[in-house]
Amino acid sequence: MTSIGHPLVGDPKYGNRKNPFQIAGQALHSKSLDLTHPKTGERMHFEAAVPEDMMEIISSLRREQSKV
């Protein structure tokens, strides 16, 4: 992501060294994922809620944006 100008928060190698957020791991999440199983060919769908620490970051960024 850094190569296209979007470093990930929490990425120790390629992320921005100034990390103002407390997050366990990288700030990268997919709400849903669809793929084809490589052996069976079955279409698979997965969903995951946004983790609480990421929701706190989103809320913080929205508050900052509303101040602008």
PDB file of N, CA and C in Angstrom:
ATOM      1  N   MET A   1       0.817  -1.191   0.000  1.00  0.00           N
ATOM      2  CA  MET A   1       0.000   0.000   0.000  1.00  0.00           C
ATOM      3  C   MET A   1       0.869   1.267   0.000  1.00  0.00           C
ATOM      4  N   THR A   2       1.999   1.205   0.664  1.00  0.00           N
ATOM      5  CA  THR A   2       2.883   2.362   0.695  1.00  0.00           C
ATOM      6  C   THR A   2       3.315   2.758  -0.714  1.00  0.00           C
ATOM      7  N   SER A   3       3.521   1.771  -1.572  1.00  0.00           N
ATOM      8  CA  SER A   3       3.986   2.061  -2.935  1.00  0.00           C
ATOM      9  C   SER A   3       2.994   2.894  -3.734  1.00  0.00           C
ATOM     10  N   ILE A   4       1.714   2.890  -3.330  1.00  0.00           N
ATOM     11  CA  ILE A   4       0.719   3.717  -4.026  1.00  0.00           C
ATOM     12  C   ILE A   4       0.284   4.907  -3.166  1.00  0.00           C
ATOM     13  N   GLY A   5       1.089   5.210  -2.149  1.00  0.00           N
ATOM     14  CA  GLY A   5       0.839   6.404  -1.335  1.00  0.00           C
ATOM     15  C   GLY A   5      -0.126   6.232  -0.184  1.00  0.00           C
ATOM     16  N   HIS A   6      -0.370   4.998   0.239  1.00  0.00           N
ATOM     17  CA  HIS A   6      -1.308   4.746   1.335  1.00  0.00           C
ATOM     18  C   HIS A   6      -0.703   3.785   2.358  1.00  0.00           C
ATOM     19  N   PRO A   7       0.264   4.263   3.169  1.00  0.00           N
ATOM     20  CA  PRO A   7       0.846   3.380   4.181  1.00  0.00           C
ATOM     21  C   PRO A   7      -0.202   2.962   5.214  1.00  0.00           C
ATOM     22  N   LEU A   8      -0.055   1.784   5.774  1.00  0.00           N
ATOM     23  CA  LEU A   8      -1.006   1.272   6.745  1.00  0.00           C
ATOM     24  C   LEU A   8      -0.599   1.642   8.162  1.00  0.00           C
ATOM     25  N   VAL A   9      -1.562   2.115   8.924  1.00  0.00           N
ATOM     26  CA  VAL A   9      -1.322   2.367  10.343  1.00  0.00           C
ATOM     27  C   VAL A   9      -1.015   1.029  11.000  1.00  0.00           C
ATOM     28  N   GLY A  10       0.028   0.993  11.791  1.00  0.00           N
ATOM     29  CA  GLY A  10       0.384  -0.208  12.525  1.00  0.00           C
ATOM     30  C   GLY A  10       1.333  -1.133  11.786  1.00  0.00           C
ATOM     31  N   ASP A  11       1.707  -0.804  10.544  1.00  0.00           N
ATOM     32  CA  ASP A  11       2.649  -1.638   9.799  1.00  0.00           C
ATOM     33  C   ASP A  11       4.055  -1.247  10.227  1.00  0.00           C
ATOM     34  N   PRO A  12       4.752  -2.134  10.950  1.00  0.00           N
ATOM     35  CA  PRO A  12       6.062  -1.774  11.488  1.00  0.00           C
ATOM     36  C   PRO A  12       7.145  -1.577  10.428  1.00  0.00           C
ATOM     37  N   LYS A  13       6.986  -2.147   9.260  1.00  0.00           N
ATOM     38  CA  LYS A  13       8.013  -2.030   8.232  1.00  0.00           C
ATOM     39  C   LYS A  13       7.729  -0.889   7.251  1.00  0.00           C
ATOM     40  N   TYR A  14       6.508  -0.802   6.747  1.00  0.00           N
ATOM     41  CA  TYR A  14       6.202   0.158   5.692  1.00  0.00           C
ATOM     42  C   TYR A  14       5.259   1.280   6.117  1.00  0.00           C
ATOM     43  N   GLY A  15       4.733   1.209   7.323  1.00  0.00           N
ATOM     44  CA  GLY A  15       3.789   2.222   7.772  1.00  0.00           C
ATOM     45  C   GLY A  15       4.467   3.505   8.200  1.00  0.00           C
ATOM     46  N   ASN A  16       3.643   4.506   8.465  1.00  0.00           N
ATOM     47  CA  ASN A  16       4.123   5.781   8.974  1.00  0.00           C
ATOM     48  C   ASN A  16       4.646   5.556  10.389  1.00  0.00           C
ATOM     49  N   ARG A  17       5.850   5.997  10.654  1.00  0.00           N
ATOM     50  CA  ARG A  17       6.451   5.789  11.982  1.00  0.00           C
ATOM     51  C   ARG A  17       5.706   6.560  13.079  1.00  0.00           C
ATOM     52  N   LYS A  18       5.027   7.644  12.705  1.00  0.00           N
ATOM     53  CA  LYS A  18       4.249   8.422  13.668  1.00  0.00           C
ATOM     54  C   LYS A  18       2.842   7.842  13.719  1.00  0.00           C
ATOM     55  N   ASN A  19       2.619   6.928  14.625  1.00  0.00           N
ATOM     56  CA  ASN A  19       1.325   6.272  14.747  1.00  0.00           C
ATOM     57  C   ASN A  19       0.587   6.846  15.951  1.00  0.00           C
ATOM     58  N   PRO A  20      -0.403   7.708  15.726  1.00  0.00           N
ATOM     59  CA  PRO A  20      -1.118   8.325  16.840  1.00  0.00           C
ATOM     60  C   PRO A  20      -2.183   7.415  17.463  1.00  0.00           C
ATOM     61  N   PHE A  21      -2.373   6.227  16.907  1.00  0.00           N
ATOM     62  CA  PHE A  21      -3.445   5.348  17.364  1.00  0.00           C
ATOM     63  C   PHE A  21      -2.903   4.131  18.099  1.00  0.00           C
ATOM     64  N   GLN A  22      -3.673   3.670  19.062  1.00  0.00           N
ATOM     65  CA  GLN A  22      -3.351   2.430  19.763  1.00  0.00           C
ATOM     66  C   GLN A  22      -4.109   1.315  19.046  1.00  0.00           C
ATOM     67  N   ILE A  23      -3.382   0.515  18.270  1.00  0.00           N
ATOM     68  CA  ILE A  23      -4.030  -0.562  17.536  1.00  0.00           C
ATOM     69  C   ILE A  23      -3.133  -1.797  17.583  1.00  0.00           C
ATOM     70  N   ALA A  24      -3.768  -2.946  17.743  1.00  0.00           N
ATOM     71  CA  ALA A  24      -3.029  -4.211  17.753  1.00  0.00           C
ATOM     72  C   ALA A  24      -2.965  -4.729  16.321  1.00  0.00           C
ATOM     73  N   GLY A  25      -1.816  -4.623  15.706  1.00  0.00           N
ATOM     74  CA  GLY A  25      -1.673  -5.083  14.327  1.00  0.00           C
ATOM     75  C   GLY A  25      -1.835  -3.947  13.333  1.00  0.00           C
ATOM     76  N   GLN A  26      -2.121  -4.285  12.095  1.00  0.00           N
ATOM     77  CA  GLN A  26      -2.254  -3.297  11.034  1.00  0.00           C
ATOM     78  C   GLN A  26      -3.703  -2.850  10.882  1.00  0.00           C
ATOM     79  N   ALA A  27      -3.887  -1.610  10.482  1.00  0.00           N
ATOM     80  CA  ALA A  27      -5.232  -1.074  10.269  1.00  0.00           C
ATOM     81  C   ALA A  27      -5.689  -1.446   8.862  1.00  0.00           C
ATOM     82  N   LEU A  28      -5.928  -2.711   8.661  1.00  0.00           N
ATOM     83  CA  LEU A  28      -6.378  -3.224   7.380  1.00  0.00           C
ATOM     84  C   LEU A  28      -7.450  -4.262   7.667  1.00  0.00           C
ATOM     85  N   HIS A  29      -8.626  -4.065   7.100  1.00  0.00           N
ATOM     86  CA  HIS A  29      -9.744  -4.954   7.408  1.00  0.00           C
ATOM     87  C   HIS A  29     -10.649  -5.078   6.199  1.00  0.00           C
ATOM     88  N   SER A  30     -11.220  -6.224   6.024  1.00  0.00           N
ATOM     89  CA  SER A  30     -12.221  -6.438   4.991  1.00  0.00           C
ATOM     90  C   SER A  30     -13.498  -6.897   5.676  1.00  0.00           C
ATOM     91  N   LYS A  31     -14.577  -6.168   5.439  1.00  0.00           N
ATOM     92  CA  LYS A  31     -15.858  -6.545   6.033  1.00  0.00           C
ATOM     93  C   LYS A  31     -16.340  -7.862   5.446  1.00  0.00           C
ATOM     94  N   SER A  32     -16.126  -8.040   4.142  1.00  0.00           N
ATOM     95  CA  SER A  32     -16.528  -9.294   3.516  1.00  0.00           C
ATOM     96  C   SER A  32     -15.494  -9.717   2.483  1.00  0.00           C
ATOM     97  N   LEU A  33     -15.465 -11.003   2.236  1.00  0.00           N
ATOM     98  CA  LEU A  33     -14.509 -11.574   1.299  1.00  0.00           C
ATOM     99  C   LEU A  33     -15.191 -12.718   0.567  1.00  0.00           C
ATOM    100  N   ASP A  34     -15.113 -12.703  -0.751  1.00  0.00           N
ATOM    101  CA  ASP A  34     -15.642 -13.781  -1.570  1.00  0.00           C
ATOM    102  C   ASP A  34     -14.493 -14.393  -2.347  1.00  0.00           C
ATOM    103  N   LEU A  35     -14.461 -15.707  -2.395  1.00  0.00           N
ATOM    104  CA  LEU A  35     -13.417 -16.383  -3.159  1.00  0.00           C
ATOM    105  C   LEU A  35     -13.912 -17.739  -3.608  1.00  0.00           C
ATOM    106  N   THR A  36     -13.160 -18.318  -4.531  1.00  0.00           N
ATOM    107  CA  THR A  36     -13.450 -19.661  -5.001  1.00  0.00           C
ATOM    108  C   THR A  36     -12.436 -20.610  -4.365  1.00  0.00           C
ATOM    109  N   HIS A  37     -12.938 -21.665  -3.730  1.00  0.00           N
ATOM    110  CA  HIS A  37     -12.059 -22.641  -3.091  1.00  0.00           C
ATOM    111  C   HIS A  37     -11.164 -23.259  -4.164  1.00  0.00           C
ATOM    112  N   PRO A  38      -9.856 -23.310  -3.918  1.00  0.00           N
ATOM    113  CA  PRO A  38      -8.932 -23.761  -4.954  1.00  0.00           C
ATOM    114  C   PRO A  38      -9.063 -25.244  -5.343  1.00  0.00           C
ATOM    115  N   LYS A  39      -9.596 -26.060  -4.457  1.00  0.00           N
ATOM    116  CA  LYS A  39      -9.719 -27.490  -4.783  1.00  0.00           C
ATOM    117  C   LYS A  39     -11.124 -27.882  -5.221  1.00  0.00           C
ATOM    118  N   THR A  40     -12.131 -27.346  -4.537  1.00  0.00           N
ATOM    119  CA  THR A  40     -13.507 -27.769  -4.829  1.00  0.00           C
ATOM    120  C   THR A  40     -14.206 -26.885  -5.849  1.00  0.00           C
ATOM    121  N   GLY A  41     -13.697 -25.666  -6.036  1.00  0.00           N
ATOM    122  CA  GLY A  41     -14.357 -24.727  -6.941  1.00  0.00           C
ATOM    123  C   GLY A  41     -15.574 -24.061  -6.323  1.00  0.00           C
ATOM    124  N   GLU A  42     -15.869 -24.407  -5.070  1.00  0.00           N
ATOM    125  CA  GLU A  42     -17.025 -23.834  -4.374  1.00  0.00           C
ATOM    126  C   GLU A  42     -16.807 -22.349  -4.122  1.00  0.00           C
ATOM    127  N   ARG A  43     -17.850 -21.531  -4.384  1.00  0.00           N
ATOM    128  CA  ARG A  43     -17.797 -20.116  -4.046  1.00  0.00           C
ATOM    129  C   ARG A  43     -17.976 -20.000  -2.541  1.00  0.00           C
ATOM    130  N   MET A  44     -17.112 -19.211  -1.913  1.00  0.00           N
ATOM    131  CA  MET A  44     -17.152 -19.058  -0.462  1.00  0.00           C
ATOM    132  C   MET A  44     -17.297 -17.581  -0.118  1.00  0.00           C
ATOM    133  N   HIS A  45     -18.022 -17.308   0.954  1.00  0.00           N
ATOM    134  CA  HIS A  45     -18.255 -15.935   1.403  1.00  0.00           C
ATOM    135  C   HIS A  45     -17.982 -15.873   2.900  1.00  0.00           C
ATOM    136  N   PHE A  46     -17.199 -14.876   3.305  1.00  0.00           N
ATOM    137  CA  PHE A  46     -16.870 -14.682   4.711  1.00  0.00           C
ATOM    138  C   PHE A  46     -17.196 -13.241   5.093  1.00  0.00           C
ATOM    139  N   GLU A  47     -17.662 -13.034   6.305  1.00  0.00           N
ATOM    140  CA  GLU A  47     -17.915 -11.692   6.828  1.00  0.00           C
ATOM    141  C   GLU A  47     -17.314 -11.576   8.222  1.00  0.00           C
ATOM    142  N   ALA A  48     -16.822 -10.376   8.520  1.00  0.00           N
ATOM    143  CA  ALA A  48     -16.243 -10.123   9.839  1.00  0.00           C
ATOM    144  C   ALA A  48     -16.545  -8.687  10.249  1.00  0.00           C
ATOM    145  N   ALA A  49     -16.948  -8.509  11.477  1.00  0.00           N
ATOM    146  CA  ALA A  49     -17.211  -7.160  11.995  1.00  0.00           C
ATOM    147  C   ALA A  49     -15.898  -6.391  12.104  1.00  0.00           C
ATOM    148  N   VAL A  50     -16.012  -5.084  12.013  1.00  0.00           N
ATOM    149  CA  VAL A  50     -14.830  -4.236  12.183  1.00  0.00           C
ATOM    150  C   VAL A  50     -14.415  -4.311  13.647  1.00  0.00           C
ATOM    151  N   PRO A  51     -13.135  -4.601  13.933  1.00  0.00           N
ATOM    152  CA  PRO A  51     -12.675  -4.692  15.321  1.00  0.00           C
ATOM    153  C   PRO A  51     -12.867  -3.370  16.075  1.00  0.00           C
ATOM    154  N   GLU A  52     -13.068  -3.471  17.362  1.00  0.00           N
ATOM    155  CA  GLU A  52     -13.340  -2.297  18.196  1.00  0.00           C
ATOM    156  C   GLU A  52     -12.233  -1.255  18.104  1.00  0.00           C
ATOM    157  N   ASP A  53     -10.959  -1.683  18.099  1.00  0.00           N
ATOM    158  CA  ASP A  53      -9.888  -0.693  18.043  1.00  0.00           C
ATOM    159  C   ASP A  53      -9.921   0.081  16.720  1.00  0.00           C
ATOM    160  N   MET A  54     -10.306  -0.574  15.657  1.00  0.00           N
ATOM    161  CA  MET A  54     -10.422   0.126  14.375  1.00  0.00           C
ATOM    162  C   MET A  54     -11.632   1.053  14.357  1.00  0.00           C
ATOM    163  N   MET A  55     -12.731   0.646  15.003  1.00  0.00           N
ATOM    164  CA  MET A  55     -13.908   1.518  15.098  1.00  0.00           C
ATOM    165  C   MET A  55     -13.565   2.797  15.857  1.00  0.00           C
ATOM    166  N   GLU A  56     -12.722   2.670  16.876  1.00  0.00           N
ATOM    167  CA  GLU A  56     -12.301   3.849  17.632  1.00  0.00           C
ATOM    168  C   GLU A  56     -11.473   4.788  16.750  1.00  0.00           C
ATOM    169  N   ILE A  57     -10.608   4.238  15.916  1.00  0.00           N
ATOM    170  CA  ILE A  57      -9.824   5.059  14.988  1.00  0.00           C
ATOM    171  C   ILE A  57     -10.746   5.771  14.008  1.00  0.00           C
ATOM    172  N   ILE A  58     -11.701   5.050  13.442  1.00  0.00           N
ATOM    173  CA  ILE A  58     -12.643   5.648  12.489  1.00  0.00           C
ATOM    174  C   ILE A  58     -13.411   6.778  13.150  1.00  0.00           C
ATOM    175  N   SER A  59     -13.898   6.560  14.361  1.00  0.00           N
ATOM    176  CA  SER A  59     -14.636   7.597  15.086  1.00  0.00           C
ATOM    177  C   SER A  59     -13.759   8.821  15.331  1.00  0.00           C
ATOM    178  N   SER A  60     -12.526   8.586  15.728  1.00  0.00           N
ATOM    179  CA  SER A  60     -11.588   9.678  15.975  1.00  0.00           C
ATOM    180  C   SER A  60     -11.335  10.480  14.703  1.00  0.00           C
ATOM    181  N   LEU A  61     -11.127   9.798  13.595  1.00  0.00           N
ATOM    182  CA  LEU A  61     -10.884  10.490  12.327  1.00  0.00           C
ATOM    183  C   LEU A  61     -12.115  11.268  11.874  1.00  0.00           C
ATOM    184  N   ARG A  62     -13.303  10.721  12.099  1.00  0.00           N
ATOM    185  CA  ARG A  62     -14.542  11.440  11.740  1.00  0.00           C
ATOM    186  C   ARG A  62     -14.697  12.703  12.585  1.00  0.00           C
ATOM    187  N   ARG A  63     -14.355  12.606  13.876  1.00  0.00           N
ATOM    188  CA  ARG A  63     -14.433  13.805  14.739  1.00  0.00           C
ATOM    189  C   ARG A  63     -13.466  14.869  14.248  1.00  0.00           C
ATOM    190  N   GLU A  64     -12.256  14.475  13.900  1.00  0.00           N
ATOM    191  CA  GLU A  64     -11.264  15.421  13.391  1.00  0.00           C
ATOM    192  C   GLU A  64     -11.725  16.058  12.084  1.00  0.00           C
ATOM    193  N   GLN A  65     -12.302  15.248  11.207  1.00  0.00           N
ATOM    194  CA  GLN A  65     -12.771  15.764   9.915  1.00  0.00           C
ATOM    195  C   GLN A  65     -13.908  16.759  10.096  1.00  0.00           C
ATOM    196  N   SER A  66     -14.764  16.531  11.097  1.00  0.00           N
ATOM    197  CA  SER A  66     -15.888  17.449  11.293  1.00  0.00           C
ATOM    198  C   SER A  66     -15.430  18.798  11.834  1.00  0.00           C
ATOM    199  N   LYS A  67     -14.224  18.854  12.394  1.00  0.00           N
ATOM    200  CA  LYS A  67     -13.671  20.120  12.898  1.00  0.00           C
ATOM    201  C   LYS A  67     -13.158  21.004  11.768  1.00  0.00           C
ATOM    202  N   VAL A  68     -12.904  20.388  10.615  1.00  0.00           N
ATOM    203  CA  VAL A  68     -12.306  21.128   9.489  1.00  0.00           C
ATOM    204  C   VAL A  68     -13.322  21.970   8.782  1.00  0.00           C
TER     205      VAL A  68
END
